[in-house]
Amino acid sequence: MPYSPEVTAFWRGYKIFIDGLRHSLGSDFIALNYDNEDKPEGSISLYFRAFNVAGTLFDGPHIGYQTGAREVVFYVPKPYCDDDDAMNMIKASCTDLNKAGERCSITVTKKAGTVKLIIEITPIDITRQPFQDCKKIVDCSYDKVVMLYRIARKAFPGLR
């Protein structure tokens, strides 16, 4: 897939936006797994750090923002799903978020056995909608990332 200047510009804008929030979140700062590299047109997702888990980003719990899929997601890989306390915390958090007016759900991928806590958000077509035109959605997306990160820290207190 060829590189897309529009998609690359959107994600670079998002990274600059998040870097500007670094100090305001204090210990809740979430590292974005993006090094300003060029992105292909299909790059609708960015991921946030997998805490201190050794291995790749996807070996541990992590958070993703998927623009076209209209969701911010907390991914829990199969090895972490055996922790009943964590899963109960995630289910209770989903219930609380729905009661608070969020559109939130939990899904399980049968093949990978991954649990996903999803908060829905307004979709963005980053091939056509520049970063600055989507500022309200971008602000909202990062608020949801922080919500999920705080849930993740409660569910897996040993992961930082």
N, C-alpha and C. Protein backbone atom coordinates (compact mmCIF):
# COMPACT_ATOMS: atom_id res chain seq x y z
N MET A 1 0.85 -1.18 0.00
CA MET A 1 0.00 0.00 0.00
C MET A 1 0.89 1.24 0.00
N PRO A 2 0.63 2.19 -0.90
CA PRO A 2 1.48 3.39 -0.96
C PRO A 2 1.29 4.28 0.26
N TYR A 3 2.32 5.05 0.55
CA TYR A 3 2.24 6.00 1.67
C TYR A 3 1.26 7.12 1.33
N SER A 4 0.59 7.60 2.36
CA SER A 4 -0.41 8.65 2.17
C SER A 4 0.01 9.89 2.93
N PRO A 5 0.23 11.00 2.24
CA PRO A 5 0.60 12.23 2.95
C PRO A 5 -0.50 12.69 3.89
N GLU A 6 -1.78 12.45 3.53
CA GLU A 6 -2.89 12.88 4.38
C GLU A 6 -2.93 12.09 5.68
N VAL A 7 -2.78 10.76 5.57
CA VAL A 7 -2.79 9.91 6.77
C VAL A 7 -1.58 10.21 7.64
N THR A 8 -0.42 10.35 7.02
CA THR A 8 0.79 10.68 7.77
C THR A 8 0.63 12.01 8.50
N ALA A 9 0.09 13.00 7.82
CA ALA A 9 -0.10 14.33 8.44
C ALA A 9 -1.07 14.24 9.61
N PHE A 10 -2.12 13.44 9.47
CA PHE A 10 -3.09 13.31 10.57
C PHE A 10 -2.40 12.73 11.81
N TRP A 11 -1.69 11.62 11.64
CA TRP A 11 -1.06 10.97 12.81
C TRP A 11 0.07 11.82 13.38
N ARG A 12 0.78 12.57 12.54
CA ARG A 12 1.79 13.49 13.08
C ARG A 12 1.13 14.58 13.92
N GLY A 13 0.00 15.09 13.44
CA GLY A 13 -0.74 16.08 14.21
C GLY A 13 -1.22 15.51 15.53
N TYR A 14 -1.67 14.26 15.51
CA TYR A 14 -2.14 13.60 16.74
C TYR A 14 -1.00 13.45 17.74
N LYS A 15 0.18 13.06 17.24
CA LYS A 15 1.33 12.91 18.13
C LYS A 15 1.73 14.25 18.74
N ILE A 16 1.75 15.30 17.96
CA ILE A 16 2.07 16.64 18.49
C ILE A 16 1.06 17.03 19.55
N PHE A 17 -0.22 16.76 19.29
CA PHE A 17 -1.29 17.04 20.25
C PHE A 17 -1.04 16.31 21.57
N ILE A 18 -0.73 15.02 21.51
CA ILE A 18 -0.50 14.23 22.72
C ILE A 18 0.77 14.68 23.43
N ASP A 19 1.81 14.94 22.68
CA ASP A 19 3.05 15.42 23.31
C ASP A 19 2.80 16.71 24.08
N GLY A 20 1.88 17.53 23.62
CA GLY A 20 1.54 18.77 24.31
C GLY A 20 0.80 18.53 25.62
N LEU A 21 0.22 17.34 25.79
CA LEU A 21 -0.51 17.00 27.02
C LEU A 21 0.35 16.27 28.05
N ARG A 22 1.54 15.93 27.68
CA ARG A 22 2.39 15.09 28.52
C ARG A 22 2.44 15.56 29.97
N HIS A 23 2.66 16.83 30.19
CA HIS A 23 2.83 17.32 31.56
C HIS A 23 1.51 17.42 32.31
N SER A 24 0.42 17.65 31.59
CA SER A 24 -0.86 17.82 32.28
C SER A 24 -1.39 16.52 32.85
N LEU A 25 -0.95 15.37 32.30
CA LEU A 25 -1.43 14.09 32.81
C LEU A 25 -0.56 13.52 33.92
N GLY A 26 0.59 14.08 34.12
CA GLY A 26 1.47 13.60 35.20
C GLY A 26 1.76 12.12 35.05
N SER A 27 1.49 11.35 36.09
CA SER A 27 1.82 9.93 36.07
C SER A 27 0.91 9.13 35.14
N ASP A 28 -0.15 9.75 34.64
CA ASP A 28 -1.03 9.06 33.72
C ASP A 28 -0.64 9.29 32.26
N PHE A 29 0.52 9.88 32.02
CA PHE A 29 0.94 10.07 30.63
C PHE A 29 1.06 8.72 29.94
N ILE A 30 0.56 8.65 28.73
CA ILE A 30 0.55 7.41 27.97
C ILE A 30 1.42 7.58 26.74
N ALA A 31 2.43 6.75 26.60
CA ALA A 31 3.33 6.84 25.47
C ALA A 31 2.66 6.31 24.21
N LEU A 32 2.76 7.06 23.15
CA LEU A 32 2.20 6.67 21.86
C LEU A 32 3.24 5.92 21.06
N ASN A 33 2.86 4.78 20.51
CA ASN A 33 3.77 3.95 19.74
C ASN A 33 3.81 4.44 18.29
N TYR A 34 4.42 5.61 18.10
CA TYR A 34 4.50 6.20 16.76
C TYR A 34 5.70 7.12 16.71
N ASP A 35 6.56 6.90 15.70
CA ASP A 35 7.80 7.67 15.60
C ASP A 35 7.82 8.62 14.41
N ASN A 36 6.66 9.19 14.07
CA ASN A 36 6.56 10.13 12.96
C ASN A 36 6.93 9.53 11.61
N GLU A 37 6.83 8.20 11.49
CA GLU A 37 7.14 7.58 10.20
C GLU A 37 5.99 7.81 9.22
N ASP A 38 6.30 7.71 7.94
CA ASP A 38 5.26 7.82 6.92
C ASP A 38 4.28 6.67 7.08
N LYS A 39 3.00 6.93 6.79
CA LYS A 39 1.95 5.92 6.98
C LYS A 39 1.22 5.65 5.67
N PRO A 40 0.88 4.38 5.43
CA PRO A 40 0.05 4.06 4.27
C PRO A 40 -1.40 4.48 4.48
N GLU A 41 -2.15 4.52 3.40
CA GLU A 41 -3.53 4.98 3.46
C GLU A 41 -4.39 4.18 4.43
N GLY A 42 -4.12 2.89 4.61
CA GLY A 42 -4.93 2.05 5.49
C GLY A 42 -4.56 2.13 6.96
N SER A 43 -3.68 3.04 7.34
CA SER A 43 -3.24 3.13 8.74
C SER A 43 -4.25 3.92 9.57
N ILE A 44 -5.33 3.24 9.95
CA ILE A 44 -6.39 3.93 10.69
C ILE A 44 -6.23 3.77 12.20
N SER A 45 -5.15 3.11 12.63
CA SER A 45 -4.99 2.83 14.06
C SER A 45 -3.64 3.30 14.59
N LEU A 46 -3.66 3.76 15.82
CA LEU A 46 -2.43 4.01 16.57
C LEU A 46 -2.57 3.29 17.90
N TYR A 47 -1.44 2.90 18.48
CA TYR A 47 -1.47 2.14 19.73
C TYR A 47 -0.65 2.83 20.80
N PHE A 48 -1.06 2.61 22.03
CA PHE A 48 -0.42 3.20 23.19
C PHE A 48 0.25 2.10 24.00
N ARG A 49 1.26 2.46 24.71
CA ARG A 49 2.19 1.52 25.32
C ARG A 49 1.54 0.34 26.02
N ALA A 50 2.27 -0.75 25.99
CA ALA A 50 1.82 -1.98 26.63
C ALA A 50 2.41 -2.09 28.03
N PHE A 51 2.33 -1.01 28.78
CA PHE A 51 2.85 -0.97 30.14
C PHE A 51 4.31 -1.41 30.15
N ASN A 52 4.71 -2.26 31.08
CA ASN A 52 6.13 -2.65 31.15
C ASN A 52 6.32 -4.11 30.73
N VAL A 53 5.44 -4.62 29.90
CA VAL A 53 5.50 -6.01 29.48
C VAL A 53 6.60 -6.17 28.44
N ALA A 54 7.47 -7.16 28.67
CA ALA A 54 8.54 -7.43 27.70
C ALA A 54 7.94 -7.97 26.41
N GLY A 55 8.62 -7.74 25.31
CA GLY A 55 8.15 -8.24 24.02
C GLY A 55 7.58 -7.12 23.18
N THR A 56 6.76 -7.49 22.23
CA THR A 56 6.19 -6.50 21.34
C THR A 56 5.00 -5.81 22.00
N LEU A 57 4.53 -4.76 21.37
CA LEU A 57 3.38 -4.01 21.88
C LEU A 57 2.20 -4.94 22.13
N PHE A 58 2.00 -5.94 21.29
CA PHE A 58 0.80 -6.77 21.36
C PHE A 58 0.93 -7.95 22.32
N ASP A 59 2.08 -8.10 22.98
CA ASP A 59 2.24 -9.16 23.97
C ASP A 59 1.51 -8.84 25.27
N GLY A 60 1.27 -7.59 25.52
CA GLY A 60 0.66 -7.19 26.78
C GLY A 60 -0.58 -6.35 26.56
N PRO A 61 -1.27 -6.02 27.65
CA PRO A 61 -2.43 -5.13 27.53
C PRO A 61 -1.99 -3.79 26.93
N HIS A 62 -2.79 -3.25 26.05
CA HIS A 62 -2.48 -1.98 25.42
C HIS A 62 -3.77 -1.33 24.94
N ILE A 63 -3.67 -0.10 24.54
CA ILE A 63 -4.83 0.69 24.12
C ILE A 63 -4.63 1.13 22.69
N GLY A 64 -5.70 1.10 21.92
CA GLY A 64 -5.63 1.53 20.53
C GLY A 64 -6.70 2.56 20.23
N TYR A 65 -6.40 3.45 19.30
CA TYR A 65 -7.40 4.38 18.79
C TYR A 65 -7.53 4.09 17.31
N GLN A 66 -8.74 3.73 16.88
CA GLN A 66 -8.99 3.36 15.50
C GLN A 66 -9.98 4.35 14.90
N THR A 67 -9.46 5.23 14.07
CA THR A 67 -10.26 6.35 13.57
C THR A 67 -11.46 5.90 12.74
N GLY A 68 -11.21 5.09 11.70
CA GLY A 68 -12.28 4.67 10.82
C GLY A 68 -13.23 3.68 11.46
N ALA A 69 -12.73 2.90 12.40
CA ALA A 69 -13.57 1.91 13.10
C ALA A 69 -14.37 2.55 14.22
N ARG A 70 -14.18 3.83 14.43
CA ARG A 70 -14.88 4.64 15.43
C ARG A 70 -14.81 4.06 16.82
N GLU A 71 -13.59 3.71 17.24
CA GLU A 71 -13.47 3.15 18.59
C GLU A 71 -12.11 3.41 19.21
N VAL A 72 -12.17 3.51 20.53
CA VAL A 72 -10.96 3.49 21.36
C VAL A 72 -11.06 2.19 22.14
N VAL A 73 -10.00 1.40 22.13
CA VAL A 73 -10.07 0.02 22.60
C VAL A 73 -8.98 -0.29 23.60
N PHE A 74 -9.35 -1.01 24.68
CA PHE A 74 -8.38 -1.58 25.60
C PHE A 74 -8.29 -3.07 25.27
N TYR A 75 -7.12 -3.50 24.78
CA TYR A 75 -6.90 -4.88 24.40
C TYR A 75 -6.29 -5.66 25.57
N VAL A 76 -6.87 -6.80 25.85
CA VAL A 76 -6.33 -7.69 26.89
C VAL A 76 -6.00 -9.02 26.22
N PRO A 77 -4.72 -9.32 25.98
CA PRO A 77 -4.35 -10.58 25.35
C PRO A 77 -4.72 -11.79 26.22
N LYS A 78 -4.88 -12.93 25.57
CA LYS A 78 -5.34 -14.15 26.23
C LYS A 78 -4.64 -14.47 27.54
N PRO A 79 -3.32 -14.42 27.64
CA PRO A 79 -2.69 -14.80 28.92
C PRO A 79 -3.17 -13.95 30.11
N TYR A 80 -3.64 -12.75 29.84
CA TYR A 80 -4.10 -11.87 30.92
C TYR A 80 -5.58 -12.06 31.24
N CYS A 81 -6.29 -12.77 30.37
CA CYS A 81 -7.73 -12.97 30.56
C CYS A 81 -8.05 -13.99 31.65
N ASP A 82 -7.05 -14.73 32.10
CA ASP A 82 -7.27 -15.72 33.15
C ASP A 82 -7.35 -15.08 34.54
N ASP A 83 -7.06 -13.80 34.62
CA ASP A 83 -7.13 -13.08 35.89
C ASP A 83 -8.59 -12.66 36.13
N ASP A 84 -9.30 -13.46 36.97
CA ASP A 84 -10.73 -13.20 37.20
C ASP A 84 -10.98 -11.83 37.81
N ASP A 85 -10.12 -11.39 38.72
CA ASP A 85 -10.30 -10.07 39.33
C ASP A 85 -10.22 -8.97 38.28
N ALA A 86 -9.24 -9.09 37.38
CA ALA A 86 -9.08 -8.10 36.32
C ALA A 86 -10.29 -8.10 35.39
N MET A 87 -10.75 -9.28 35.01
CA MET A 87 -11.90 -9.36 34.09
C MET A 87 -13.17 -8.81 34.76
N ASN A 88 -13.33 -9.07 36.05
CA ASN A 88 -14.48 -8.51 36.77
C ASN A 88 -14.40 -6.98 36.82
N MET A 89 -13.21 -6.45 37.01
CA MET A 89 -13.01 -5.00 37.03
C MET A 89 -13.33 -4.40 35.66
N ILE A 90 -12.93 -5.06 34.61
CA ILE A 90 -13.19 -4.58 33.25
C ILE A 90 -14.70 -4.61 32.96
N LYS A 91 -15.37 -5.69 33.35
CA LYS A 91 -16.83 -5.78 33.14
C LYS A 91 -17.56 -4.71 33.94
N ALA A 92 -17.16 -4.52 35.20
CA ALA A 92 -17.79 -3.49 36.03
C ALA A 92 -17.55 -2.10 35.45
N SER A 93 -16.35 -1.87 34.92
CA SER A 93 -16.02 -0.58 34.31
C SER A 93 -16.87 -0.33 33.08
N CYS A 94 -17.11 -1.36 32.28
CA CYS A 94 -17.96 -1.23 31.10
C CYS A 94 -19.37 -0.83 31.52
N THR A 95 -19.89 -1.49 32.55
CA THR A 95 -21.22 -1.16 33.06
C THR A 95 -21.27 0.29 33.53
N ASP A 96 -20.25 0.69 34.29
CA ASP A 96 -20.19 2.07 34.79
C ASP A 96 -20.12 3.09 33.65
N LEU A 97 -19.33 2.80 32.64
CA LEU A 97 -19.21 3.71 31.50
C LEU A 97 -20.54 3.84 30.77
N ASN A 98 -21.24 2.73 30.58
CA ASN A 98 -22.55 2.79 29.92
C ASN A 98 -23.54 3.59 30.74
N LYS A 99 -23.51 3.42 32.06
CA LYS A 99 -24.40 4.20 32.93
C LYS A 99 -24.08 5.68 32.86
N ALA A 100 -22.81 6.00 32.60
CA ALA A 100 -22.38 7.40 32.51
C ALA A 100 -22.64 8.00 31.12
N GLY A 101 -23.23 7.21 30.22
CA GLY A 101 -23.59 7.73 28.92
C GLY A 101 -22.64 7.39 27.78
N GLU A 102 -21.59 6.64 28.06
CA GLU A 102 -20.69 6.21 27.00
C GLU A 102 -21.35 5.05 26.24
N ARG A 103 -20.96 4.89 24.98
CA ARG A 103 -21.36 3.70 24.22
C ARG A 103 -20.19 2.74 24.32
N CYS A 104 -20.34 1.76 25.19
CA CYS A 104 -19.22 0.92 25.56
C CYS A 104 -19.64 -0.55 25.47
N SER A 105 -18.71 -1.41 25.07
CA SER A 105 -19.00 -2.84 25.00
C SER A 105 -17.74 -3.65 25.24
N ILE A 106 -17.95 -4.92 25.50
CA ILE A 106 -16.83 -5.86 25.64
C ILE A 106 -17.02 -6.93 24.57
N THR A 107 -15.96 -7.21 23.83
CA THR A 107 -16.01 -8.28 22.85
C THR A 107 -14.85 -9.23 23.07
N VAL A 108 -15.04 -10.47 22.64
CA VAL A 108 -13.99 -11.47 22.74
C VAL A 108 -13.71 -11.98 21.33
N THR A 109 -12.45 -11.96 20.93
CA THR A 109 -12.10 -12.53 19.64
C THR A 109 -11.89 -14.02 19.84
N LYS A 110 -12.68 -14.82 19.18
CA LYS A 110 -12.64 -16.27 19.40
C LYS A 110 -11.29 -16.86 19.02
N LYS A 111 -10.74 -16.45 17.90
CA LYS A 111 -9.49 -17.04 17.42
C LYS A 111 -8.33 -16.72 18.37
N ALA A 112 -8.19 -15.45 18.72
CA ALA A 112 -7.05 -15.04 19.56
C ALA A 112 -7.38 -15.11 21.06
N GLY A 113 -8.67 -15.15 21.38
CA GLY A 113 -9.05 -15.17 22.79
C GLY A 113 -8.83 -13.85 23.50
N THR A 114 -8.71 -12.79 22.73
CA THR A 114 -8.47 -11.46 23.28
C THR A 114 -9.78 -10.83 23.75
N VAL A 115 -9.74 -10.18 24.91
CA VAL A 115 -10.88 -9.41 25.38
C VAL A 115 -10.64 -7.95 25.01
N LYS A 116 -11.68 -7.30 24.48
CA LYS A 116 -11.57 -5.90 24.10
C LYS A 116 -12.67 -5.10 24.78
N LEU A 117 -12.27 -4.08 25.52
CA LEU A 117 -13.20 -3.12 26.09
C LEU A 117 -13.20 -1.94 25.13
N ILE A 118 -14.35 -1.68 24.51
CA ILE A 118 -14.44 -0.70 23.42
C ILE A 118 -15.34 0.47 23.83
N ILE A 119 -14.85 1.67 23.61
CA ILE A 119 -15.68 2.87 23.73
C ILE A 119 -15.85 3.42 22.32
N GLU A 120 -17.10 3.57 21.91
CA GLU A 120 -17.37 4.10 20.57
C GLU A 120 -17.11 5.60 20.52
N ILE A 121 -16.71 6.05 19.35
CA ILE A 121 -16.42 7.47 19.13
C ILE A 121 -16.80 7.82 17.70
N THR A 122 -17.01 9.07 17.42
CA THR A 122 -17.35 9.51 16.07
C THR A 122 -16.21 9.13 15.12
N PRO A 123 -16.53 8.49 13.99
CA PRO A 123 -15.47 8.08 13.06
C PRO A 123 -14.86 9.27 12.32
N ILE A 124 -13.63 9.10 11.91
CA ILE A 124 -12.92 10.09 11.09
C ILE A 124 -12.34 9.35 9.89
N ASP A 125 -12.51 9.91 8.70
CA ASP A 125 -11.84 9.39 7.51
C ASP A 125 -10.57 10.21 7.35
N ILE A 126 -9.47 9.66 7.88
CA ILE A 126 -8.23 10.45 7.91
C ILE A 126 -7.58 10.59 6.53
N THR A 127 -8.13 9.93 5.52
CA THR A 127 -7.64 10.15 4.16
C THR A 127 -8.24 11.43 3.58
N ARG A 128 -9.34 11.91 4.20
CA ARG A 128 -10.03 13.09 3.67
C ARG A 128 -10.22 14.21 4.68
N GLN A 129 -10.19 13.88 5.98
CA GLN A 129 -10.45 14.89 7.00
C GLN A 129 -9.14 15.25 7.72
N PRO A 130 -8.63 16.46 7.49
CA PRO A 130 -7.38 16.87 8.14
C PRO A 130 -7.52 16.93 9.66
N PHE A 131 -6.40 16.79 10.32
CA PHE A 131 -6.35 16.79 11.78
C PHE A 131 -7.07 18.01 12.37
N GLN A 132 -6.77 19.19 11.88
CA GLN A 132 -7.33 20.41 12.46
C GLN A 132 -8.85 20.48 12.32
N ASP A 133 -9.40 19.85 11.28
CA ASP A 133 -10.85 19.85 11.09
C ASP A 133 -11.56 18.91 12.06
N CYS A 134 -10.80 18.07 12.74
CA CYS A 134 -11.38 17.05 13.62
C CYS A 134 -10.99 17.27 15.08
N LYS A 135 -10.65 18.50 15.43
CA LYS A 135 -10.09 18.78 16.75
C LYS A 135 -11.00 18.31 17.89
N LYS A 136 -12.31 18.51 17.77
CA LYS A 136 -13.23 18.07 18.83
C LYS A 136 -13.20 16.56 19.01
N ILE A 137 -13.19 15.83 17.91
CA ILE A 137 -13.15 14.37 17.98
C ILE A 137 -11.80 13.91 18.53
N VAL A 138 -10.74 14.56 18.10
CA VAL A 138 -9.39 14.23 18.59
C VAL A 138 -9.31 14.43 20.11
N ASP A 139 -9.81 15.57 20.59
CA ASP A 139 -9.83 15.81 22.04
C ASP A 139 -10.59 14.69 22.75
N CYS A 140 -11.74 14.37 22.22
CA CYS A 140 -12.59 13.33 22.80
C CYS A 140 -11.89 11.97 22.78
N SER A 141 -11.22 11.67 21.68
CA SER A 141 -10.54 10.37 21.56
C SER A 141 -9.49 10.20 22.64
N TYR A 142 -8.74 11.25 22.89
CA TYR A 142 -7.69 11.11 23.90
C TYR A 142 -8.27 11.03 25.31
N ASP A 143 -9.38 11.72 25.55
CA ASP A 143 -10.07 11.56 26.84
C ASP A 143 -10.46 10.11 27.05
N LYS A 144 -10.92 9.45 25.99
CA LYS A 144 -11.32 8.05 26.08
C LYS A 144 -10.11 7.14 26.28
N VAL A 145 -9.00 7.47 25.63
CA VAL A 145 -7.77 6.71 25.84
C VAL A 145 -7.37 6.77 27.31
N VAL A 146 -7.43 7.95 27.89
CA VAL A 146 -7.06 8.11 29.30
C VAL A 146 -8.03 7.34 30.20
N MET A 147 -9.34 7.37 29.88
CA MET A 147 -10.32 6.58 30.64
C MET A 147 -9.93 5.11 30.65
N LEU A 148 -9.64 4.58 29.46
CA LEU A 148 -9.30 3.17 29.36
C LEU A 148 -7.98 2.85 30.05
N TYR A 149 -7.04 3.77 29.97
CA TYR A 149 -5.76 3.54 30.65
C TYR A 149 -5.95 3.46 32.17
N ARG A 150 -6.79 4.31 32.71
CA ARG A 150 -7.05 4.27 34.15
C ARG A 150 -7.76 2.99 34.56
N ILE A 151 -8.66 2.50 33.71
CA ILE A 151 -9.30 1.21 33.96
C ILE A 151 -8.25 0.10 33.91
N ALA A 152 -7.38 0.17 32.92
CA ALA A 152 -6.33 -0.84 32.78
C ALA A 152 -5.42 -0.88 34.01
N ARG A 153 -5.10 0.29 34.54
CA ARG A 153 -4.24 0.34 35.74
C ARG A 153 -4.93 -0.26 36.95
N LYS A 154 -6.26 -0.09 37.03
CA LYS A 154 -7.01 -0.72 38.13
C LYS A 154 -7.11 -2.23 37.93
N ALA A 155 -7.34 -2.65 36.70
CA ALA A 155 -7.49 -4.07 36.41
C ALA A 155 -6.18 -4.83 36.58
N PHE A 156 -5.08 -4.20 36.21
CA PHE A 156 -3.76 -4.84 36.28
C PHE A 156 -2.81 -3.93 37.04
N PRO A 157 -2.98 -3.82 38.36
CA PRO A 157 -2.19 -2.85 39.14
C PRO A 157 -0.68 -3.11 39.10
N GLY A 158 -0.27 -4.33 38.78
CA GLY A 158 1.15 -4.63 38.72
C GLY A 158 1.82 -4.12 37.44
N LEU A 159 1.02 -3.72 36.47
CA LEU A 159 1.56 -3.22 35.20
C LEU A 159 1.63 -1.72 35.21
N ARG A 160 2.77 -1.18 34.96
CA ARG A 160 2.94 0.28 34.93
C ARG A 160 3.72 0.64 33.71
